Amino acid sequence: MVARHCIIKGRVQGVGFRYFTLRSAEQHEIEGWVKNLPGGDVEMYATGDDDAMAGFMSEIEKGPSLAIVEHIEVRKMEPEPCSGFSIER
């Protein structure tokens, strides 16, 4: 199991990015959460097995069709227990 804490920068709010992330997490069996930040970025915590995380992060780097992902700050973390993947408000 691996875990990542990410800040996604670019045009990532108002383009369905959180819902895209939720669907991708469910497809890759990733657990964690995603939320919008006040400054226009998106914050995400994700945990899962190594192969699943690689596929998931590859999709997050692209984002949905209307998004423009300019940069992702990624911090490796110790996995914390999660139940599913959620969109936080």
Protein backbone atom coordinates (compact mmCIF):
# COMPACT_ATOMS: atom_id res chain seq x y z
CA MET A 1 0.00 0.00 0.00
CA VAL A 2 1.13 3.52 -0.85
CA ALA A 3 -0.38 6.91 -0.15
CA ARG A 4 -0.14 10.30 -1.84
CA HIS A 5 -1.19 13.78 -0.75
CA CYS A 6 -1.51 16.07 -3.77
CA ILE A 7 -2.23 19.68 -4.59
CA ILE A 8 -3.37 19.92 -8.20
CA LYS A 9 -2.86 23.31 -9.85
CA GLY A 10 -4.25 24.75 -13.06
CA ARG A 11 -7.81 25.04 -14.37
CA VAL A 12 -9.16 22.34 -12.06
CA GLN A 13 -12.27 23.90 -10.53
CA GLY A 14 -15.58 24.23 -12.37
CA VAL A 15 -14.58 21.55 -14.89
CA GLY A 16 -15.73 18.35 -13.12
CA PHE A 17 -12.29 17.52 -11.77
CA ARG A 18 -13.48 16.17 -8.40
CA TYR A 19 -16.08 13.91 -10.03
CA PHE A 20 -13.49 12.73 -12.57
CA THR A 21 -11.16 11.92 -9.66
CA LEU A 22 -13.93 10.03 -7.83
CA ARG A 23 -14.74 7.88 -10.88
CA SER A 24 -11.06 7.19 -11.55
CA ALA A 25 -10.46 6.25 -7.89
CA GLU A 26 -13.38 3.82 -7.97
CA GLN A 27 -12.08 2.22 -11.18
CA HIS A 28 -8.59 1.79 -9.71
CA GLU A 29 -9.83 0.76 -6.23
CA ILE A 30 -8.17 3.79 -4.64
CA GLU A 31 -9.42 5.10 -1.30
CA GLY A 32 -9.22 8.65 0.03
CA TRP A 33 -10.78 12.03 -0.70
CA VAL A 34 -10.66 15.09 -2.94
CA LYS A 35 -11.76 18.69 -2.34
CA ASN A 36 -11.58 22.19 -3.79
CA LEU A 37 -9.35 24.73 -2.09
CA PRO A 38 -10.24 28.44 -1.80
CA GLY A 39 -7.41 29.59 -4.12
CA GLY A 40 -8.59 27.53 -7.11
CA ASP A 41 -6.46 24.41 -6.54
CA VAL A 42 -7.69 20.90 -5.72
CA GLU A 43 -6.38 18.88 -2.77
CA MET A 44 -6.40 15.08 -2.76
CA TYR A 45 -5.38 12.20 -0.50
CA ALA A 46 -5.22 8.76 -2.11
CA THR A 47 -4.14 5.34 -0.92
CA GLY A 48 -3.98 2.00 -2.70
CA ASP A 49 -1.61 -0.60 -4.05
CA ASP A 50 1.40 0.47 -6.13
CA ASP A 51 0.10 -0.56 -9.57
CA ALA A 52 -3.36 0.91 -8.98
CA MET A 53 -1.83 4.19 -7.76
CA ALA A 54 0.36 4.44 -10.87
CA GLY A 55 -2.66 4.11 -13.17
CA PHE A 56 -4.75 6.47 -11.05
CA MET A 57 -2.07 9.19 -10.93
CA SER A 58 -1.57 8.91 -14.69
CA GLU A 59 -5.26 9.77 -15.18
CA ILE A 60 -5.15 12.59 -12.61
CA GLU A 61 -2.22 14.18 -14.48
CA LYS A 62 -4.49 14.50 -17.54
CA GLY A 63 -7.78 15.32 -15.79
CA PRO A 64 -11.16 15.63 -17.51
CA SER A 65 -11.39 17.15 -20.98
CA LEU A 66 -12.12 20.73 -19.82
CA ALA A 67 -9.34 20.77 -17.18
CA ILE A 68 -5.82 22.06 -17.66
CA VAL A 69 -3.52 20.42 -15.11
CA GLU A 70 -0.46 22.65 -14.92
CA HIS A 71 1.33 21.09 -11.96
CA ILE A 72 0.81 18.52 -9.22
CA GLU A 73 2.63 18.80 -5.90
CA VAL A 74 2.92 15.20 -4.70
CA ARG A 75 3.92 14.16 -1.19
CA LYS A 76 4.44 10.48 -0.39
CA MET A 77 2.85 9.55 2.93
CA GLU A 78 2.25 6.60 5.18
CA PRO A 79 -1.14 5.02 4.30
CA GLU A 80 -3.99 5.88 6.65
CA PRO A 81 -7.16 3.80 6.87
CA CYS A 82 -9.92 5.07 4.57
CA SER A 83 -13.28 3.71 3.56
CA GLY A 84 -13.91 4.29 -0.13
CA PHE A 85 -13.27 7.56 -1.92
CA SER A 86 -15.25 10.74 -1.27
CA ILE A 87 -15.65 14.33 -2.40
CA GLU A 88 -15.23 16.59 0.60
CA ARG A 89 -16.82 20.02 0.85
